[in-house]
C-alpha atoms as a PDB file:
ATOM      1  CA  UNK A   1      54.500 -21.105 -10.528  1.00  0.00           C
ATOM      2  CA  UNK A   2      54.275 -20.928  -6.730  1.00  0.00           C
ATOM      3  CA  UNK A   3      57.037 -18.971  -4.995  1.00  0.00           C
ATOM      4  CA  UNK A   4      57.582 -17.830  -1.427  1.00  0.00           C
ATOM      5  CA  UNK A   5      56.245 -14.363  -2.254  1.00  0.00           C
ATOM      6  CA  UNK A   6      53.223 -13.932  -4.512  1.00  0.00           C
ATOM      7  CA  UNK A   7      53.398 -10.722  -6.541  1.00  0.00           C
ATOM      8  CA  UNK A   8      50.021 -11.155  -8.283  1.00  0.00           C
ATOM      9  CA  UNK A   9      48.332  -8.320  -6.365  1.00  0.00           C
ATOM     10  CA  UNK A  10      51.328  -6.021  -7.013  1.00  0.00           C
ATOM     11  CA  UNK A  11      51.594  -6.681 -10.760  1.00  0.00           C
ATOM     12  CA  UNK A  12      49.672  -3.647 -12.025  1.00  0.00           C
ATOM     13  CA  UNK A  13      51.432  -1.288  -9.618  1.00  0.00           C
ATOM     14  CA  UNK A  14      54.774  -2.587 -10.863  1.00  0.00           C
ATOM     15  CA  UNK A  15      54.122  -0.849 -14.174  1.00  0.00           C
ATOM     16  CA  UNK A  16      54.801   2.446 -12.367  1.00  0.00           C
ATOM     17  CA  UNK A  17      58.210   1.386 -11.042  1.00  0.00           C
ATOM     18  CA  UNK A  18      61.222   3.419 -12.230  1.00  0.00           C
ATOM     19  CA  UNK A  19      63.538   2.369 -15.043  1.00  0.00           C
ATOM     20  CA  UNK A  20      67.231   1.669 -14.434  1.00  0.00           C
ATOM     21  CA  UNK A  21      69.842   4.321 -15.138  1.00  0.00           C
ATOM     22  CA  UNK A  22      70.750   3.998 -18.854  1.00  0.00           C
ATOM     23  CA  UNK A  23      74.401   4.896 -18.151  1.00  0.00           C
ATOM     24  CA  UNK A  24      74.711   2.017 -15.676  1.00  0.00           C
ATOM     25  CA  UNK A  25      73.116  -0.498 -18.045  1.00  0.00           C
ATOM     26  CA  UNK A  26      75.407   0.623 -20.899  1.00  0.00           C
ATOM     27  CA  UNK A  27      78.488   0.300 -18.668  1.00  0.00           C
ATOM     28  CA  UNK A  28      77.404  -3.166 -17.572  1.00  0.00           C
ATOM     29  CA  UNK A  29      76.978  -4.382 -21.126  1.00  0.00           C
ATOM     30  CA  UNK A  30      80.330  -2.884 -22.111  1.00  0.00           C
ATOM     31  CA  UNK A  31      82.084  -4.582 -19.184  1.00  0.00           C
ATOM     32  CA  UNK A  32      80.508  -7.926 -20.106  1.00  0.00           C
ATOM     33  CA  UNK A  33      81.514  -7.325 -23.751  1.00  0.00           C
ATOM     34  CA  UNK A  34      78.076  -8.354 -25.030  1.00  0.00           C
ATOM     35  CA  UNK A  35      76.981  -7.196 -28.453  1.00  0.00           C
ATOM     36  CA  UNK A  36      73.813  -7.051 -30.497  1.00  0.00           C
ATOM     37  CA  UNK A  37      72.577 -10.572 -31.146  1.00  0.00           C
ATOM     38  CA  UNK A  38      74.151 -12.103 -28.014  1.00  0.00           C
ATOM     39  CA  UNK A  39      72.028 -14.253 -25.708  1.00  0.00           C
ATOM     40  CA  UNK A  40      70.941 -12.867 -22.322  1.00  0.00           C
ATOM     41  CA  UNK A  41      68.719 -14.488 -19.678  1.00  0.00           C
ATOM     42  CA  UNK A  42      66.853 -11.945 -17.541  1.00  0.00           C
ATOM     43  CA  UNK A  43      65.762 -13.754 -14.375  1.00  0.00           C
ATOM     44  CA  UNK A  44      62.830 -12.475 -12.359  1.00  0.00           C
ATOM     45  CA  UNK A  45      61.984 -10.253 -15.304  1.00  0.00           C
ATOM     46  CA  UNK A  46      58.734  -8.999 -13.795  1.00  0.00           C
ATOM     47  CA  UNK A  47      57.069  -6.342 -15.917  1.00  0.00           C
ATOM     48  CA  UNK A  48      60.103  -6.091 -18.239  1.00  0.00           C
ATOM     49  CA  UNK A  49      61.801  -3.012 -16.800  1.00  0.00           C
ATOM     50  CA  UNK A  50      65.283  -4.463 -17.377  1.00  0.00           C
ATOM     51  CA  UNK A  51      64.191  -6.777 -20.202  1.00  0.00           C
ATOM     52  CA  UNK A  52      63.198  -3.793 -22.319  1.00  0.00           C
ATOM     53  CA  UNK A  53      66.534  -2.057 -21.799  1.00  0.00           C
ATOM     54  CA  UNK A  54      68.389  -5.219 -22.852  1.00  0.00           C
ATOM     55  CA  UNK A  55      66.167  -5.595 -25.929  1.00  0.00           C
ATOM     56  CA  UNK A  56      66.851  -1.977 -26.949  1.00  0.00           C
ATOM     57  CA  UNK A  57      70.551  -2.899 -27.238  1.00  0.00           C
ATOM     58  CA  UNK A  58      69.655  -5.548 -29.809  1.00  0.00           C
ATOM     59  CA  UNK A  59      70.217  -8.494 -27.483  1.00  0.00           C
ATOM     60  CA  UNK A  60      68.292 -11.764 -27.717  1.00  0.00           C
ATOM     61  CA  UNK A  61      66.568 -11.977 -24.350  1.00  0.00           C
ATOM     62  CA  UNK A  62      65.108 -15.032 -22.635  1.00  0.00           C
ATOM     63  CA  UNK A  63      62.946 -13.487 -19.892  1.00  0.00           C
ATOM     64  CA  UNK A  64      62.210 -15.812 -16.946  1.00  0.00           C
ATOM     65  CA  UNK A  65      59.380 -14.851 -14.563  1.00  0.00           C
ATOM     66  CA  UNK A  66      57.459 -17.110 -12.164  1.00  0.00           C
ATOM     67  CA  UNK A  67      54.358 -14.955 -11.622  1.00  0.00           C
ATOM     68  CA  UNK A  68      51.641 -15.209 -14.271  1.00  0.00           C
ATOM     69  CA  UNK A  69      50.306 -11.672 -13.835  1.00  0.00           C
ATOM     70  CA  UNK A  70      53.745 -10.078 -13.918  1.00  0.00           C
ATOM     71  CA  UNK A  71      54.764 -12.156 -16.920  1.00  0.00           C
ATOM     72  CA  UNK A  72      51.583 -11.178 -18.780  1.00  0.00           C
ATOM     73  CA  UNK A  73      52.441  -7.485 -18.313  1.00  0.00           C
ATOM     74  CA  UNK A  74      56.004  -8.115 -19.438  1.00  0.00           C
ATOM     75  CA  UNK A  75      54.808  -9.886 -22.578  1.00  0.00           C
ATOM     76  CA  UNK A  76      52.582  -6.929 -23.431  1.00  0.00           C
ATOM     77  CA  UNK A  77      55.385  -4.411 -22.919  1.00  0.00           C
ATOM     78  CA  UNK A  78      57.855  -6.300 -25.088  1.00  0.00           C
ATOM     79  CA  UNK A  79      55.435  -7.190 -27.880  1.00  0.00           C
ATOM     80  CA  UNK A  80      57.399  -4.967 -30.276  1.00  0.00           C
ATOM     81  CA  UNK A  81      60.638  -6.849 -29.685  1.00  0.00           C
ATOM     82  CA  UNK A  82      60.557 -10.268 -31.433  1.00  0.00           C
ATOM     83  CA  UNK A  83      63.975 -11.131 -29.935  1.00  0.00           C
ATOM     84  CA  UNK A  84      62.380 -11.341 -26.462  1.00  0.00           C
ATOM     85  CA  UNK A  85      60.962 -14.699 -25.362  1.00  0.00           C
ATOM     86  CA  UNK A  86      59.149 -15.321 -22.078  1.00  0.00           C
ATOM     87  CA  UNK A  87      59.311 -18.399 -19.847  1.00  0.00           C
ATOM     88  CA  UNK A  88      58.071 -19.547 -16.450  1.00  0.00           C
ATOM     89  CA  UNK A  89      60.863 -20.211 -13.974  1.00  0.00           C
ATOM     90  CA  UNK A  90      62.761 -18.995 -10.907  1.00  0.00           C
ATOM     91  CA  UNK A  91      66.330 -18.024 -10.150  1.00  0.00           C
ATOM     92  CA  UNK A  92      67.147 -21.348  -8.559  1.00  0.00           C
ATOM     93  CA  UNK A  93      65.610 -23.335 -11.462  1.00  0.00           C
ATOM     94  CA  UNK A  94      65.345 -21.316 -14.663  1.00  0.00           C
ATOM     95  CA  UNK A  95      64.598 -24.218 -16.975  1.00  0.00           C
ATOM     96  CA  UNK A  96      67.135 -22.840 -19.423  1.00  0.00           C
ATOM     97  CA  UNK A  97      69.681 -24.803 -21.423  1.00  0.00           C
ATOM     98  CA  UNK A  98      73.131 -25.408 -19.971  1.00  0.00           C
ATOM     99  CA  UNK A  99      75.894 -23.169 -21.352  1.00  0.00           C
ATOM    100  CA  UNK A 100      73.594 -21.012 -23.498  1.00  0.00           C
ATOM    101  CA  UNK A 101      74.006 -17.413 -22.338  1.00  0.00           C
ATOM    102  CA  UNK A 102      76.605 -14.664 -22.561  1.00  0.00           C
ATOM    103  CA  UNK A 103      75.017 -12.748 -19.670  1.00  0.00           C
ATOM    104  CA  UNK A 104      72.500 -13.563 -16.924  1.00  0.00           C
ATOM    105  CA  UNK A 105      70.818 -10.630 -15.174  1.00  0.00           C
ATOM    106  CA  UNK A 106      68.693 -10.221 -12.055  1.00  0.00           C
ATOM    107  CA  UNK A 107      66.847  -6.908 -12.010  1.00  0.00           C
ATOM    108  CA  UNK A 108      65.642  -6.349  -8.400  1.00  0.00           C
ATOM    109  CA  UNK A 109      65.079 -10.106  -8.132  1.00  0.00           C
ATOM    110  CA  UNK A 110      68.299 -11.586  -6.724  1.00  0.00           C
ATOM    111  CA  UNK A 111      67.275 -10.660  -3.165  1.00  0.00           C
ATOM    112  CA  UNK A 112      64.145 -12.853  -3.321  1.00  0.00           C
ATOM    113  CA  UNK A 113      66.098 -15.944  -4.386  1.00  0.00           C
ATOM    114  CA  UNK A 114      68.226 -18.373  -2.460  1.00  0.00           C
ATOM    115  CA  UNK A 115      71.249 -16.474  -3.667  1.00  0.00           C
ATOM    116  CA  UNK A 116      73.757 -19.319  -3.554  1.00  0.00           C
ATOM    117  CA  UNK A 117      71.416 -21.626  -5.454  1.00  0.00           C
ATOM    118  CA  UNK A 118      70.682 -18.849  -7.955  1.00  0.00           C
ATOM    119  CA  UNK A 119      74.430 -18.315  -8.490  1.00  0.00           C
ATOM    120  CA  UNK A 120      74.940 -22.039  -9.097  1.00  0.00           C
ATOM    121  CA  UNK A 121      72.075 -22.069 -11.588  1.00  0.00           C
ATOM    122  CA  UNK A 122      73.460 -18.975 -13.286  1.00  0.00           C
ATOM    123  CA  UNK A 123      76.859 -20.611 -13.641  1.00  0.00           C
ATOM    124  CA  UNK A 124      75.189 -23.669 -15.172  1.00  0.00           C
ATOM    125  CA  UNK A 125      73.368 -21.749 -17.913  1.00  0.00           C
ATOM    126  CA  UNK A 126      76.223 -19.360 -18.739  1.00  0.00           C
ATOM    127  CA  UNK A 127      78.746 -19.950 -21.472  1.00  0.00           C
ATOM    128  CA  UNK A 128      82.417 -20.205 -20.402  1.00  0.00           C
ATOM    129  CA  UNK A 129      83.558 -16.728 -19.375  1.00  0.00           C
ATOM    130  CA  UNK A 130      79.926 -15.475 -19.326  1.00  0.00           C
ATOM    131  CA  UNK A 131      78.810 -12.809 -16.877  1.00  0.00           C
ATOM    132  CA  UNK A 132      76.401 -12.592 -13.932  1.00  0.00           C
ATOM    133  CA  UNK A 133      74.836  -9.247 -12.929  1.00  0.00           C
ATOM    134  CA  UNK A 134      72.371  -8.234 -10.241  1.00  0.00           C
ATOM    135  CA  UNK A 135      70.995  -4.744  -9.692  1.00  0.00           C
ATOM    136  CA  UNK A 136      68.531  -2.577  -7.843  1.00  0.00           C
ATOM    137  CA  UNK A 137      67.203   0.942  -8.013  1.00  0.00           C
ATOM    138  CA  UNK A 138      67.700   2.645  -4.657  1.00  0.00           C
ATOM    139  CA  UNK A 139      65.857   5.811  -3.754  1.00  0.00           C
ATOM    140  CA  UNK A 140      68.058   8.673  -2.543  1.00  0.00           C
ATOM    141  CA  UNK A 141      67.102   8.668   1.134  1.00  0.00           C
ATOM    142  CA  UNK A 142      68.694  12.096   1.620  1.00  0.00           C
ATOM    143  CA  UNK A 143      66.124  13.672  -0.671  1.00  0.00           C
ATOM    144  CA  UNK A 144      63.623  15.701   1.461  1.00  0.00           C
ATOM    145  CA  UNK A 145      60.547  13.894   0.113  1.00  0.00           C
ATOM    146  CA  UNK A 146      62.126  10.481   0.605  1.00  0.00           C
ATOM    147  CA  UNK A 147      63.072  11.356   4.187  1.00  0.00           C
ATOM    148  CA  UNK A 148      59.386  12.080   4.939  1.00  0.00           C
ATOM    149  CA  UNK A 149      58.372   8.801   3.335  1.00  0.00           C
ATOM    150  CA  UNK A 150      60.930   6.910   5.369  1.00  0.00           C
ATOM    151  CA  UNK A 151      59.501   8.487   8.506  1.00  0.00           C
ATOM    152  CA  UNK A 152      56.058   7.191   7.558  1.00  0.00           C
ATOM    153  CA  UNK A 153      57.377   3.685   7.004  1.00  0.00           C
ATOM    154  CA  UNK A 154      59.413   3.518  10.184  1.00  0.00           C
ATOM    155  CA  UNK A 155      56.593   4.984  12.250  1.00  0.00           C
ATOM    156  CA  UNK A 156      54.370   2.125  11.155  1.00  0.00           C
ATOM    157  CA  UNK A 157      57.116  -0.550  11.063  1.00  0.00           C
ATOM    158  CA  UNK A 158      59.601   0.359  13.845  1.00  0.00           C
ATOM    159  CA  UNK A 159      61.885  -2.580  13.033  1.00  0.00           C
ATOM    160  CA  UNK A 160      61.624  -2.098   9.257  1.00  0.00           C
ATOM    161  CA  UNK A 161      64.440  -3.767   7.301  1.00  0.00           C
ATOM    162  CA  UNK A 162      65.439  -3.278   3.676  1.00  0.00           C
ATOM    163  CA  UNK A 163      66.639  -6.868   3.590  1.00  0.00           C
ATOM    164  CA  UNK A 164      69.450  -7.882   1.291  1.00  0.00           C
ATOM    165  CA  UNK A 165      68.385  -5.526  -1.534  1.00  0.00           C
ATOM    166  CA  UNK A 166      70.452  -2.655  -0.082  1.00  0.00           C
ATOM    167  CA  UNK A 167      73.403  -4.812   0.947  1.00  0.00           C
ATOM    168  CA  UNK A 168      76.768  -5.024  -0.785  1.00  0.00           C
ATOM    169  CA  UNK A 169      76.494  -8.247  -2.791  1.00  0.00           C
ATOM    170  CA  UNK A 170      80.242  -8.774  -3.086  1.00  0.00           C
ATOM    171  CA  UNK A 171      80.619 -11.239  -0.215  1.00  0.00           C
ATOM    172  CA  UNK A 172      77.751 -13.485  -1.333  1.00  0.00           C
ATOM    173  CA  UNK A 173      79.093 -13.584  -4.925  1.00  0.00           C
ATOM    174  CA  UNK A 174      82.669 -14.252  -3.779  1.00  0.00           C
ATOM    175  CA  UNK A 175      81.379 -16.916  -1.380  1.00  0.00           C
ATOM    176  CA  UNK A 176      79.968 -18.975  -4.238  1.00  0.00           C
ATOM    177  CA  UNK A 177      83.451 -19.597  -5.628  1.00  0.00           C
ATOM    178  CA  UNK A 178      81.911 -19.496  -9.075  1.00  0.00           C
ATOM    179  CA  UNK A 179      82.487 -15.885 -10.129  1.00  0.00           C
ATOM    180  CA  UNK A 180      85.022 -13.160  -9.685  1.00  0.00           C
ATOM    181  CA  UNK A 181      86.336 -10.654  -9.240  1.00  0.00           C
ATOM    182  CA  UNK A 182      83.237  -8.559  -8.512  1.00  0.00           C
ATOM    183  CA  UNK A 183      82.808  -5.285 -10.375  1.00  0.00           C
ATOM    184  CA  UNK A 184      80.548  -2.582  -8.939  1.00  0.00           C
ATOM    185  CA  UNK A 185      78.747  -0.104 -11.205  1.00  0.00           C
ATOM    186  CA  UNK A 186      76.370   2.691 -10.336  1.00  0.00           C
ATOM    187  CA  UNK A 187      74.503   5.400 -12.164  1.00  0.00           C
ATOM    188  CA  UNK A 188      72.147   8.178 -11.135  1.00  0.00           C
ATOM    189  CA  UNK A 189      68.801   8.817 -12.700  1.00  0.00           C
ATOM    190  CA  UNK A 190      66.017  11.292 -11.929  1.00  0.00           C
ATOM    191  CA  UNK A 191      62.474  10.182 -12.564  1.00  0.00           C
ATOM    192  CA  UNK A 192      59.935  12.887 -13.279  1.00  0.00           C
ATOM    193  CA  UNK A 193      56.502  11.400 -12.968  1.00  0.00           C
ATOM    194  CA  UNK A 194      52.893  12.120 -12.219  1.00  0.00           C
ATOM    195  CA  UNK A 195      52.330  12.365  -8.468  1.00  0.00           C
ATOM    196  CA  UNK A 196      49.481   9.857  -8.696  1.00  0.00           C
ATOM    197  CA  UNK A 197      51.662   7.366 -10.543  1.00  0.00           C
ATOM    198  CA  UNK A 198      54.349   7.715  -7.879  1.00  0.00           C
ATOM    199  CA  UNK A 199      51.823   6.886  -5.158  1.00  0.00           C
ATOM    200  CA  UNK A 200      50.519   3.989  -7.244  1.00  0.00           C
ATOM    201  CA  UNK A 201      54.051   2.687  -7.602  1.00  0.00           C
ATOM    202  CA  UNK A 202      54.324   2.314  -3.845  1.00  0.00           C
ATOM    203  CA  UNK A 203      51.585  -0.338  -4.004  1.00  0.00           C
ATOM    204  CA  UNK A 204      54.188  -2.605  -5.647  1.00  0.00           C
ATOM    205  CA  UNK A 205      56.621  -2.293  -2.761  1.00  0.00           C
ATOM    206  CA  UNK A 206      56.968  -5.907  -1.746  1.00  0.00           C
ATOM    207  CA  UNK A 207      59.555  -5.203   1.000  1.00  0.00           C
ATOM    208  CA  UNK A 208      57.046  -3.015   2.878  1.00  0.00           C
ATOM    209  CA  UNK A 209      54.124  -5.333   2.182  1.00  0.00           C
ATOM    210  CA  UNK A 210      55.906  -8.450   3.463  1.00  0.00           C
ATOM    211  CA  UNK A 211      56.774  -6.749   6.746  1.00  0.00           C
ATOM    212  CA  UNK A 212      53.326  -5.268   7.403  1.00  0.00           C
ATOM    213  CA  UNK A 213      50.606  -6.794   5.200  1.00  0.00           C
ATOM    214  CA  UNK A 214      47.778  -5.831   7.555  1.00  0.00           C
ATOM    215  CA  UNK A 215      48.982  -2.240   7.759  1.00  0.00           C
ATOM    216  CA  UNK A 216      50.027  -1.875   4.129  1.00  0.00           C
ATOM    217  CA  UNK A 217      47.042   0.125   2.851  1.00  0.00           C
ATOM    218  CA  UNK A 218      47.362   2.563   5.761  1.00  0.00           C
ATOM    219  CA  UNK A 219      51.067   3.090   4.993  1.00  0.00           C
ATOM    220  CA  UNK A 220      50.327   3.739   1.305  1.00  0.00           C
ATOM    221  CA  UNK A 221      47.573   6.210   2.285  1.00  0.00           C
ATOM    222  CA  UNK A 222      49.971   8.111   4.552  1.00  0.00           C
ATOM    223  CA  UNK A 223      52.620   8.222   1.815  1.00  0.00           C
ATOM    224  CA  UNK A 224      49.906   9.562  -0.481  1.00  0.00           C
ATOM    225  CA  UNK A 225      49.157  12.346   2.000  1.00  0.00           C
ATOM    226  CA  UNK A 226      52.844  13.304   2.131  1.00  0.00           C
ATOM    227  CA  UNK A 227      52.981  13.554  -1.650  1.00  0.00           C
ATOM    228  CA  UNK A 228      49.690  15.454  -1.922  1.00  0.00           C
ATOM    229  CA  UNK A 229      50.958  18.051   0.549  1.00  0.00           C
ATOM    230  CA  UNK A 230      53.508  19.078  -2.082  1.00  0.00           C
ATOM    231  CA  UNK A 231      50.657  20.346  -4.279  1.00  0.00           C
ATOM    232  CA  UNK A 232      52.594  19.302  -7.376  1.00  0.00           C
ATOM    233  CA  UNK A 233      51.213  17.425 -10.333  1.00  0.00           C
ATOM    234  CA  UNK A 234      54.676  16.178 -11.258  1.00  0.00           C
ATOM    235  CA  UNK A 235      57.426  15.240  -8.845  1.00  0.00           C
ATOM    236  CA  UNK A 236      61.071  14.369  -9.231  1.00  0.00           C
ATOM    237  CA  UNK A 237      62.435  11.237  -7.553  1.00  0.00           C
ATOM    238  CA  UNK A 238      66.217  10.661  -7.534  1.00  0.00           C
ATOM    239  CA  UNK A 239      67.451   7.060  -7.762  1.00  0.00           C
ATOM    240  CA  UNK A 240      70.798   5.339  -7.905  1.00  0.00           C
ATOM    241  CA  UNK A 241      71.055   2.131  -9.949  1.00  0.00           C
ATOM    242  CA  UNK A 242      73.584  -0.160  -8.286  1.00  0.00           C
ATOM    243  CA  UNK A 243      74.950  -3.177 -10.142  1.00  0.00           C
ATOM    244  CA  UNK A 244      77.217  -5.980  -8.951  1.00  0.00           C
ATOM    245  CA  UNK A 245      78.617  -8.129 -11.737  1.00  0.00           C
ATOM    246  CA  UNK A 246      81.248 -10.835 -12.084  1.00  0.00           C
ATOM    247  CA  UNK A 247      82.590 -13.177 -14.739  1.00  0.00           C
ATOM    248  CA  UNK A 248      82.142 -16.924 -14.515  1.00  0.00           C
ATOM    249  CA  UNK A 249      85.338 -18.666 -13.438  1.00  0.00           C
ATOM    250  CA  UNK A 250      87.017 -21.303 -15.514  1.00  0.00           C
ATOM    251  CA  UNK A 251      85.151 -24.567 -14.852  1.00  0.00           C
ATOM    252  CA  UNK A 252      88.467 -26.392 -14.792  1.00  0.00           C
ATOM    253  CA  UNK A 253      88.981 -25.054 -11.281  1.00  0.00           C
ATOM    254  CA  UNK A 254      85.510 -25.715  -9.884  1.00  0.00           C
ATOM    255  CA  UNK A 255      83.136 -28.592  -9.279  1.00  0.00           C
ATOM    256  CA  UNK A 256      79.575 -28.062  -8.050  1.00  0.00           C
ATOM    257  CA  UNK A 257      77.850 -30.664  -5.868  1.00  0.00           C
ATOM    258  CA  UNK A 258      74.121 -31.436  -5.843  1.00  0.00           C
ATOM    259  CA  UNK A 259      73.478 -28.653  -3.313  1.00  0.00           C
ATOM    260  CA  UNK A 260      75.166 -25.997  -5.430  1.00  0.00           C
ATOM    261  CA  UNK A 261      78.283 -25.916  -3.268  1.00  0.00           C
ATOM    262  CA  UNK A 262      81.729 -25.569  -4.812  1.00  0.00           C
ATOM    263  CA  UNK A 263      84.399 -28.179  -4.146  1.00  0.00           C
ATOM    264  CA  UNK A 264      87.928 -28.260  -5.405  1.00  0.00           C
ATOM    265  CA  UNK A 265      88.872 -31.133  -7.716  1.00  0.00           C
END
């Protein structure tokens, strides 16, 4: 499925991306009151980083991913979980059945959607009182290694922007009129990984790639030099998983027009 950003060339590198903080995922599921056997749609499921965590809780997961290469890796990684099914689709048009799900999640994918359209689609496929959740893993930019990496990026991309992935999502969720109130959850996790795998993981960094495709390989090489100067086979990378979630409002109070906008009856 064609999307604005093609992740095909980043698919293998995505396998080296960090997992989400287990404590944050557990708190999210508790807040949404979902239990083993409940139905969850994971949108923009990629290589199954979040999908796997949901499956481990015994949930039935419909994983929606537009990119063939990413979806193929996700299918391989979840082969041991028969309750996971994979589909082609996007956040604005999942192809899922209306009113089917207890929870709809976006793991690092909400920022690459038209967020208002994705929220309208999420509301459509959720059961009454179902929950929406979006999340990202954010590197701790105060960590000494991450500071050096940020210097590399900003030296090569002076006007570098994180985009909406590091923004507070509360206003965009509230603005839809479809969900609320917004609940914010966070959890810290330290990833200990092979230095080479960490460098490889940077090749999946779509935010950097989109802002400097011609300079991308040079940036990755310079990040590699920074890591190699540590002379460590294994490095520790601190992350914070940040989740914004909200419950679907009673449909009695909302109507949605053809453009996904909310109007009062």
